[in-house]
PDB file of N, CA and C in Angstrom:
ATOM      1  N   MET A   1     173.239 161.007 153.880  1.00  0.00           N
ATOM      2  CA  MET A   1     172.714 161.022 152.523  1.00  0.00           C
ATOM      3  C   MET A   1     173.743 160.406 151.593  1.00  0.00           C
ATOM      4  N   ILE A   2     173.304 159.548 150.690  1.00  0.00           N
ATOM      5  CA  ILE A   2     174.194 158.883 149.739  1.00  0.00           C
ATOM      6  C   ILE A   2     174.227 159.706 148.461  1.00  0.00           C
ATOM      7  N   GLU A   3     175.451 160.014 148.003  1.00  0.00           N
ATOM      8  CA  GLU A   3     175.609 160.801 146.781  1.00  0.00           C
ATOM      9  C   GLU A   3     175.609 159.880 145.581  1.00  0.00           C
ATOM     10  N   ASP A   4     174.924 160.263 144.538  1.00  0.00           N
ATOM     11  CA  ASP A   4     174.909 159.500 143.304  1.00  0.00           C
ATOM     12  C   ASP A   4     176.169 159.850 142.525  1.00  0.00           C
ATOM     13  N   THR A   5     177.176 158.958 142.579  1.00  0.00           N
ATOM     14  CA  THR A   5     178.467 159.251 141.939  1.00  0.00           C
ATOM     15  C   THR A   5     178.358 159.275 140.422  1.00  0.00           C
ATOM     16  N   LYS A   6     177.405 158.550 139.869  1.00  0.00           N
ATOM     17  CA  LYS A   6     177.247 158.586 138.414  1.00  0.00           C
ATOM     18  C   LYS A   6     176.916 159.999 137.947  1.00  0.00           C
ATOM     19  N   LYS A   7     176.024 160.687 138.670  1.00  0.00           N
ATOM     20  CA  LYS A   7     175.684 162.055 138.296  1.00  0.00           C
ATOM     21  C   LYS A   7     176.851 162.996 138.530  1.00  0.00           C
ATOM     22  N   ALA A   8     177.599 162.801 139.607  1.00  0.00           N
ATOM     23  CA  ALA A   8     178.732 163.669 139.904  1.00  0.00           C
ATOM     24  C   ALA A   8     179.837 163.504 138.875  1.00  0.00           C
ATOM     25  N   ASP A   9     180.049 162.260 138.409  1.00  0.00           N
ATOM     26  CA  ASP A   9     181.116 161.991 137.445  1.00  0.00           C
ATOM     27  C   ASP A   9     180.703 162.335 136.016  1.00  0.00           C
ATOM     28  N   HIS A  10     179.416 162.326 135.738  1.00  0.00           N
ATOM     29  CA  HIS A  10     178.920 162.555 134.387  1.00  0.00           C
ATOM     30  C   HIS A  10     177.807 163.596 134.409  1.00  0.00           C
ATOM     31  N   PRO A  11     178.169 164.860 134.273  1.00  0.00           N
ATOM     32  CA  PRO A  11     177.129 165.892 134.288  1.00  0.00           C
ATOM     33  C   PRO A  11     176.143 165.685 133.139  1.00  0.00           C
ATOM     34  N   THR A  12     174.897 166.080 133.355  1.00  0.00           N
ATOM     35  CA  THR A  12     173.881 165.882 132.327  1.00  0.00           C
ATOM     36  C   THR A  12     173.562 167.157 131.555  1.00  0.00           C
ATOM     37  N   GLU A  13     173.936 168.308 132.079  1.00  0.00           N
ATOM     38  CA  GLU A  13     173.650 169.565 131.396  1.00  0.00           C
ATOM     39  C   GLU A  13     174.705 169.864 130.346  1.00  0.00           C
ATOM     40  N   LYS A  14     174.270 170.494 129.276  1.00  0.00           N
ATOM     41  CA  LYS A  14     175.208 170.894 128.229  1.00  0.00           C
ATOM     42  C   LYS A  14     176.134 171.983 128.748  1.00  0.00           C
ATOM     43  N   VAL A  15     177.345 171.985 128.242  1.00  0.00           N
ATOM     44  CA  VAL A  15     178.312 173.034 128.533  1.00  0.00           C
ATOM     45  C   VAL A  15     178.116 174.101 127.468  1.00  0.00           C
ATOM     46  N   THR A  16     178.033 175.363 127.886  1.00  0.00           N
ATOM     47  CA  THR A  16     177.746 176.418 126.917  1.00  0.00           C
ATOM     48  C   THR A  16     178.730 177.578 127.010  1.00  0.00           C
ATOM     49  N   MET A  17     178.783 178.313 125.927  1.00  0.00           N
ATOM     50  CA  MET A  17     179.564 179.548 125.836  1.00  0.00           C
ATOM     51  C   MET A  17     178.730 180.497 124.982  1.00  0.00           C
ATOM     52  N   THR A  18     178.529 181.712 125.447  1.00  0.00           N
ATOM     53  CA  THR A  18     177.725 182.687 124.717  1.00  0.00           C
ATOM     54  C   THR A  18     178.567 183.910 124.389  1.00  0.00           C
ATOM     55  N   LEU A  19     178.543 184.297 123.120  1.00  0.00           N
ATOM     56  CA  LEU A  19     179.294 185.460 122.654  1.00  0.00           C
ATOM     57  C   LEU A  19     178.324 186.494 122.089  1.00  0.00           C
ATOM     58  N   PRO A  20     178.623 187.774 122.266  1.00  0.00           N
ATOM     59  CA  PRO A  20     177.768 188.801 121.668  1.00  0.00           C
ATOM     60  C   PRO A  20     178.015 188.893 120.161  1.00  0.00           C
ATOM     61  N   GLY A  21     176.992 189.333 119.447  1.00  0.00           N
ATOM     62  CA  GLY A  21     177.119 189.503 118.007  1.00  0.00           C
ATOM     63  C   GLY A  21     176.238 190.637 117.527  1.00  0.00           C
ATOM     64  N   THR A  22     176.476 191.045 116.295  1.00  0.00           N
ATOM     65  CA  THR A  22     175.689 192.111 115.661  1.00  0.00           C
ATOM     66  C   THR A  22     175.301 191.667 114.260  1.00  0.00           C
ATOM     67  N   VAL A  23     174.051 191.875 113.904  1.00  0.00           N
ATOM     68  CA  VAL A  23     173.600 191.564 112.550  1.00  0.00           C
ATOM     69  C   VAL A  23     174.194 192.631 111.629  1.00  0.00           C
ATOM     70  N   GLU A  24     175.096 192.204 110.743  1.00  0.00           N
ATOM     71  CA  GLU A  24     175.764 193.137 109.834  1.00  0.00           C
ATOM     72  C   GLU A  24     174.936 193.440 108.596  1.00  0.00           C
ATOM     73  N   LYS A  25     174.274 192.406 108.067  1.00  0.00           N
ATOM     74  CA  LYS A  25     173.458 192.624 106.873  1.00  0.00           C
ATOM     75  C   LYS A  25     172.418 191.530 106.742  1.00  0.00           C
ATOM     76  N   ILE A  26     171.380 191.861 106.005  1.00  0.00           N
ATOM     77  CA  ILE A  26     170.337 190.912 105.659  1.00  0.00           C
ATOM     78  C   ILE A  26     170.526 190.593 104.184  1.00  0.00           C
ATOM     79  N   ILE A  27     170.629 189.313 103.866  1.00  0.00           N
ATOM     80  CA  ILE A  27     170.906 188.894 102.497  1.00  0.00           C
ATOM     81  C   ILE A  27     169.642 188.305 101.885  1.00  0.00           C
ATOM     82  N   PRO A  28     169.109 188.966 100.851  1.00  0.00           N
ATOM     83  CA  PRO A  28     167.902 188.440 100.213  1.00  0.00           C
ATOM     84  C   PRO A  28     168.210 187.112  99.511  1.00  0.00           C
ATOM     85  N   PRO A  29     167.214 186.260  99.384  1.00  0.00           N
ATOM     86  CA  PRO A  29     167.453 184.978  98.716  1.00  0.00           C
ATOM     87  C   PRO A  29     167.691 185.147  97.219  1.00  0.00           C
ATOM     88  N   ILE A  30     168.513 184.282  96.676  1.00  0.00           N
ATOM     89  CA  ILE A  30     168.746 184.279  95.218  1.00  0.00           C
ATOM     90  C   ILE A  30     167.531 183.679  94.531  1.00  0.00           C
ATOM     91  N   VAL A  31     167.012 182.611  95.125  1.00  0.00           N
ATOM     92  CA  VAL A  31     165.814 181.947  94.623  1.00  0.00           C
ATOM     93  C   VAL A  31     164.659 182.352  95.530  1.00  0.00           C
ATOM     94  N   PRO A  32     163.568 182.874  94.992  1.00  0.00           N
ATOM     95  CA  PRO A  32     162.464 183.371  95.828  1.00  0.00           C
ATOM     96  C   PRO A  32     161.911 182.365  96.835  1.00  0.00           C
ATOM     97  N   SER A  33     162.023 181.084  96.558  1.00  0.00           N
ATOM     98  CA  SER A  33     161.484 180.083  97.480  1.00  0.00           C
ATOM     99  C   SER A  33     162.414 179.826  98.679  1.00  0.00           C
ATOM    100  N   GLU A  34     163.625 180.326  98.616  1.00  0.00           N
ATOM    101  CA  GLU A  34     164.586 180.176  99.711  1.00  0.00           C
ATOM    102  C   GLU A  34     164.407 181.309 100.721  1.00  0.00           C
ATOM    103  N   PRO A  35     164.755 181.073 102.008  1.00  0.00           N
ATOM    104  CA  PRO A  35     164.636 182.145 103.008  1.00  0.00           C
ATOM    105  C   PRO A  35     165.808 183.124 102.923  1.00  0.00           C
ATOM    106  N   GLU A  36     165.568 184.352 103.412  1.00  0.00           N
ATOM    107  CA  GLU A  36     166.671 185.309 103.490  1.00  0.00           C
ATOM    108  C   GLU A  36     167.621 184.881 104.606  1.00  0.00           C
ATOM    109  N   LYS A  37     168.839 185.412 104.575  1.00  0.00           N
ATOM    110  CA  LYS A  37     169.857 185.085 105.569  1.00  0.00           C
ATOM    111  C   LYS A  37     170.230 186.333 106.348  1.00  0.00           C
ATOM    112  N   ALA A  38     170.638 186.129 107.590  1.00  0.00           N
ATOM    113  CA  ALA A  38     171.187 187.208 108.409  1.00  0.00           C
ATOM    114  C   ALA A  38     172.666 186.918 108.590  1.00  0.00           C
ATOM    115  N   GLN A  39     173.506 187.894 108.252  1.00  0.00           N
ATOM    116  CA  GLN A  39     174.946 187.755 108.472  1.00  0.00           C
ATOM    117  C   GLN A  39     175.262 188.378 109.819  1.00  0.00           C
ATOM    118  N   ILE A  40     175.842 187.565 110.708  1.00  0.00           N
ATOM    119  CA  ILE A  40     176.110 188.001 112.080  1.00  0.00           C
ATOM    120  C   ILE A  40     177.608 188.018 112.327  1.00  0.00           C
ATOM    121  N   ALA A  41     178.107 189.158 112.833  1.00  0.00           N
ATOM    122  CA  ALA A  41     179.504 189.260 113.251  1.00  0.00           C
ATOM    123  C   ALA A  41     179.553 188.836 114.720  1.00  0.00           C
ATOM    124  N   VAL A  42     180.316 187.775 114.994  1.00  0.00           N
ATOM    125  CA  VAL A  42     180.437 187.255 116.356  1.00  0.00           C
ATOM    126  C   VAL A  42     181.633 187.926 117.013  1.00  0.00           C
ATOM    127  N   HIS A  43     181.374 188.738 118.036  1.00  0.00           N
ATOM    128  CA  HIS A  43     182.445 189.448 118.741  1.00  0.00           C
ATOM    129  C   HIS A  43     183.210 188.448 119.615  1.00  0.00           C
ATOM    130  N   GLY A  44     184.526 188.480 119.510  1.00  0.00           N
ATOM    131  CA  GLY A  44     185.347 187.562 120.283  1.00  0.00           C
ATOM    132  C   GLY A  44     185.862 186.394 119.453  1.00  0.00           C
ATOM    133  N   ALA A  45     185.359 186.239 118.230  1.00  0.00           N
ATOM    134  CA  ALA A  45     185.842 185.194 117.337  1.00  0.00           C
ATOM    135  C   ALA A  45     187.033 185.732 116.550  1.00  0.00           C
ATOM    136  N   GLU A  46     187.833 184.822 115.999  1.00  0.00           N
ATOM    137  CA  GLU A  46     188.971 185.243 115.179  1.00  0.00           C
ATOM    138  C   GLU A  46     188.466 185.992 113.946  1.00  0.00           C
ATOM    139  N   GLU A  47     189.249 186.944 113.490  1.00  0.00           N
ATOM    140  CA  GLU A  47     188.852 187.835 112.395  1.00  0.00           C
ATOM    141  C   GLU A  47     188.362 187.078 111.157  1.00  0.00           C
ATOM    142  N   LEU A  48     189.075 186.048 110.732  1.00  0.00           N
ATOM    143  CA  LEU A  48     188.686 185.328 109.521  1.00  0.00           C
ATOM    144  C   LEU A  48     187.424 184.491 109.700  1.00  0.00           C
ATOM    145  N   TYR A  49     187.036 184.230 110.939  1.00  0.00           N
ATOM    146  CA  TYR A  49     185.922 183.318 111.199  1.00  0.00           C
ATOM    147  C   TYR A  49     184.792 183.969 111.985  1.00  0.00           C
ATOM    148  N   ARG A  50     184.764 185.272 112.062  1.00  0.00           N
ATOM    149  CA  ARG A  50     183.800 185.934 112.940  1.00  0.00           C
ATOM    150  C   ARG A  50     182.412 186.106 112.350  1.00  0.00           C
ATOM    151  N   GLU A  51     182.255 185.904 111.049  1.00  0.00           N
ATOM    152  CA  GLU A  51     180.948 186.102 110.438  1.00  0.00           C
ATOM    153  C   GLU A  51     180.282 184.761 110.148  1.00  0.00           C
ATOM    154  N   ILE A  52     179.014 184.675 110.565  1.00  0.00           N
ATOM    155  CA  ILE A  52     178.218 183.498 110.239  1.00  0.00           C
ATOM    156  C   ILE A  52     176.954 183.961 109.541  1.00  0.00           C
ATOM    157  N   ARG A  53     176.396 183.087 108.727  1.00  0.00           N
ATOM    158  CA  ARG A  53     175.128 183.376 108.058  1.00  0.00           C
ATOM    159  C   ARG A  53     174.130 182.304 108.454  1.00  0.00           C
ATOM    160  N   VAL A  54     172.987 182.771 108.906  1.00  0.00           N
ATOM    161  CA  VAL A  54     171.932 181.863 109.333  1.00  0.00           C
ATOM    162  C   VAL A  54     170.618 182.284 108.693  1.00  0.00           C
ATOM    163  N   GLU A  55     169.704 181.334 108.591  1.00  0.00           N
ATOM    164  CA  GLU A  55     168.375 181.634 108.090  1.00  0.00           C
ATOM    165  C   GLU A  55     167.743 182.682 109.000  1.00  0.00           C
ATOM    166  N   ASN A  56     167.177 183.695 108.416  1.00  0.00           N
ATOM    167  CA  ASN A  56     166.601 184.802 109.187  1.00  0.00           C
ATOM    168  C   ASN A  56     165.125 184.537 109.471  1.00  0.00           C
ATOM    169  N   THR A  57     164.874 183.428 110.135  1.00  0.00           N
ATOM    170  CA  THR A  57     163.515 183.039 110.494  1.00  0.00           C
ATOM    171  C   THR A  57     163.512 182.642 111.958  1.00  0.00           C
ATOM    172  N   LEU A  58     162.823 183.427 112.778  1.00  0.00           N
ATOM    173  CA  LEU A  58     162.714 183.156 114.204  1.00  0.00           C
ATOM    174  C   LEU A  58     161.243 183.209 114.591  1.00  0.00           C
ATOM    175  N   GLN A  59     160.971 182.909 115.868  1.00  0.00           N
ATOM    176  CA  GLN A  59     159.619 183.028 116.389  1.00  0.00           C
ATOM    177  C   GLN A  59     159.652 183.858 117.650  1.00  0.00           C
ATOM    178  N   ASP A  60     158.626 184.713 117.829  1.00  0.00           N
ATOM    179  CA  ASP A  60     158.530 185.472 119.064  1.00  0.00           C
ATOM    180  C   ASP A  60     157.910 184.584 120.149  1.00  0.00           C
ATOM    181  N   GLU A  61     157.717 185.143 121.329  1.00  0.00           N
ATOM    182  CA  GLU A  61     157.207 184.348 122.454  1.00  0.00           C
ATOM    183  C   GLU A  61     155.803 183.802 122.226  1.00  0.00           C
ATOM    184  N   ASP A  62     155.063 184.384 121.293  1.00  0.00           N
ATOM    185  CA  ASP A  62     153.717 183.903 120.975  1.00  0.00           C
ATOM    186  C   ASP A  62     153.709 182.923 119.803  1.00  0.00           C
ATOM    187  N   GLY A  63     154.888 182.619 119.257  1.00  0.00           N
ATOM    188  CA  GLY A  63     154.984 181.690 118.137  1.00  0.00           C
ATOM    189  C   GLY A  63     154.814 182.321 116.775  1.00  0.00           C
ATOM    190  N   ASN A  64     154.758 183.656 116.724  1.00  0.00           N
ATOM    191  CA  ASN A  64     154.619 184.359 115.446  1.00  0.00           C
ATOM    192  C   ASN A  64     155.963 184.439 114.736  1.00  0.00           C
ATOM    193  N   PRO A  65     156.000 184.269 113.410  1.00  0.00           N
ATOM    194  CA  PRO A  65     157.266 184.386 112.684  1.00  0.00           C
ATOM    195  C   PRO A  65     157.789 185.820 112.714  1.00  0.00           C
ATOM    196  N   VAL A  66     159.079 185.961 112.970  1.00  0.00           N
ATOM    197  CA  VAL A  66     159.749 187.261 112.991  1.00  0.00           C
ATOM    198  C   VAL A  66     161.118 187.109 112.339  1.00  0.00           C
ATOM    199  N   SER A  67     161.773 188.241 112.063  1.00  0.00           N
ATOM    200  CA  SER A  67     163.126 188.202 111.499  1.00  0.00           C
ATOM    201  C   SER A  67     163.958 189.296 112.149  1.00  0.00           C
ATOM    202  N   LEU A  68     165.264 189.133 112.058  1.00  0.00           N
ATOM    203  CA  LEU A  68     166.198 190.100 112.630  1.00  0.00           C
ATOM    204  C   LEU A  68     166.353 191.297 111.699  1.00  0.00           C
ATOM    205  N   LYS A  69     166.674 192.453 112.280  1.00  0.00           N
ATOM    206  CA  LYS A  69     166.952 193.666 111.514  1.00  0.00           C
ATOM    207  C   LYS A  69     168.457 193.900 111.486  1.00  0.00           C
ATOM    208  N   LYS A  70     168.922 194.569 110.452  1.00  0.00           N
ATOM    209  CA  LYS A  70     170.314 194.977 110.371  1.00  0.00           C
ATOM    210  C   LYS A  70     170.635 195.834 111.600  1.00  0.00           C
ATOM    211  N   GLY A  71     171.772 195.559 112.232  1.00  0.00           N
ATOM    212  CA  GLY A  71     172.194 196.300 113.404  1.00  0.00           C
ATOM    213  C   GLY A  71     171.731 195.700 114.724  1.00  0.00           C
ATOM    214  N   ALA A  72     170.895 194.675 114.674  1.00  0.00           N
ATOM    215  CA  ALA A  72     170.387 194.056 115.899  1.00  0.00           C
ATOM    216  C   ALA A  72     171.538 193.435 116.706  1.00  0.00           C
ATOM    217  N   GLU A  73     171.480 193.620 118.006  1.00  0.00           N
ATOM    218  CA  GLU A  73     172.442 192.990 118.908  1.00  0.00           C
ATOM    219  C   GLU A  73     171.888 191.617 119.273  1.00  0.00           C
ATOM    220  N   VAL A  74     172.687 190.573 119.085  1.00  0.00           N
ATOM    221  CA  VAL A  74     172.246 189.202 119.344  1.00  0.00           C
ATOM    222  C   VAL A  74     173.280 188.479 120.208  1.00  0.00           C
ATOM    223  N   GLU A  75     172.917 187.297 120.664  1.00  0.00           N
ATOM    224  CA  GLU A  75     173.838 186.425 121.386  1.00  0.00           C
ATOM    225  C   GLU A  75     173.953 185.130 120.601  1.00  0.00           C
ATOM    226  N   VAL A  76     175.180 184.639 120.449  1.00  0.00           N
ATOM    227  CA  VAL A  76     175.439 183.378 119.761  1.00  0.00           C
ATOM    228  C   VAL A  76     175.902 182.392 120.832  1.00  0.00           C
ATOM    229  N   THR A  77     175.149 181.308 120.989  1.00  0.00           N
ATOM    230  CA  THR A  77     175.474 180.325 122.017  1.00  0.00           C
ATOM    231  C   THR A  77     175.968 179.043 121.376  1.00  0.00           C
ATOM    232  N   ILE A  78     177.076 178.539 121.904  1.00  0.00           N
ATOM    233  CA  ILE A  78     177.640 177.263 121.486  1.00  0.00           C
ATOM    234  C   ILE A  78     177.387 176.307 122.632  1.00  0.00           C
ATOM    235  N   ALA A  79     176.778 175.161 122.344  1.00  0.00           N
ATOM    236  CA  ALA A  79     176.451 174.197 123.386  1.00  0.00           C
ATOM    237  C   ALA A  79     176.993 172.826 122.989  1.00  0.00           C
ATOM    238  N   ALA A  80     177.510 172.091 123.977  1.00  0.00           N
ATOM    239  CA  ALA A  80     178.044 170.755 123.730  1.00  0.00           C
ATOM    240  C   ALA A  80     177.563 169.803 124.816  1.00  0.00           C
ATOM    241  N   GLU A  81     177.313 168.576 124.414  1.00  0.00           N
ATOM    242  CA  GLU A  81     176.953 167.525 125.363  1.00  0.00           C
ATOM    243  C   GLU A  81     178.170 167.200 126.221  1.00  0.00           C
ATOM    244  N   PRO A  82     177.953 166.827 127.472  1.00  0.00           N
ATOM    245  CA  PRO A  82     179.083 166.480 128.351  1.00  0.00           C
ATOM    246  C   PRO A  82     180.003 165.415 127.763  1.00  0.00           C
ATOM    247  N   LYS A  83     179.444 164.473 126.991  1.00  0.00           N
ATOM    248  CA  LYS A  83     180.272 163.415 126.395  1.00  0.00           C
ATOM    249  C   LYS A  83     181.227 163.951 125.328  1.00  0.00           C
ATOM    250  N   ASP A  84     180.994 165.171 124.856  1.00  0.00           N
ATOM    251  CA  ASP A  84     181.776 165.742 123.769  1.00  0.00           C
ATOM    252  C   ASP A  84     182.809 166.765 124.222  1.00  0.00           C
ATOM    253  N   ILE A  85     183.099 166.815 125.511  1.00  0.00           N
ATOM    254  CA  ILE A  85     184.084 167.759 126.020  1.00  0.00           C
ATOM    255  C   ILE A  85     185.198 167.012 126.732  1.00  0.00           C
ATOM    256  N   LYS A  86     186.322 167.708 126.954  1.00  0.00           N
ATOM    257  CA  LYS A  86     187.455 167.122 127.675  1.00  0.00           C
ATOM    258  C   LYS A  86     188.056 168.217 128.538  1.00  0.00           C
ATOM    259  N   PRO A  87     188.813 167.847 129.562  1.00  0.00           N
ATOM    260  CA  PRO A  87     189.471 168.863 130.382  1.00  0.00           C
ATOM    261  C   PRO A  87     190.468 169.650 129.531  1.00  0.00           C
ATOM    262  N   LYS A  88     190.587 170.938 129.816  1.00  0.00           N
ATOM    263  CA  LYS A  88     191.511 171.795 129.085  1.00  0.00           C
ATOM    264  C   LYS A  88     192.916 171.609 129.649  1.00  0.00           C
ATOM    265  N   ASN A  89     193.888 171.416 128.770  1.00  0.00           N
ATOM    266  CA  ASN A  89     195.291 171.302 129.202  1.00  0.00           C
ATOM    267  C   ASN A  89     195.796 172.675 129.606  1.00  0.00           C
ATOM    268  N   GLN A  90     196.433 172.736 130.753  1.00  0.00           N
ATOM    269  CA  GLN A  90     196.921 174.031 131.207  1.00  0.00           C
ATOM    270  C   GLN A  90     198.409 174.046 131.325  1.00  0.00           C
TER     271      GLN A  90
END
């Protein structure tokens, strides 16, 4: 069997890292036409950078709009294309 070296040398799947998080608070919009935000504490991130705010608009498996509740346990995934990564210096 002949191996496709292009695929072996250049992976096609994204490289990912997933960290646990907790919804700390729900922030109502300042302007009624804007969506509310969910503030998420990312466990494992540096103290000064562990909180992110994202639009609190998701969809369930049936496509219905849903939102996160305060205290919800979530996962935060970081994904990168293979072209955007490099070997780690050790």
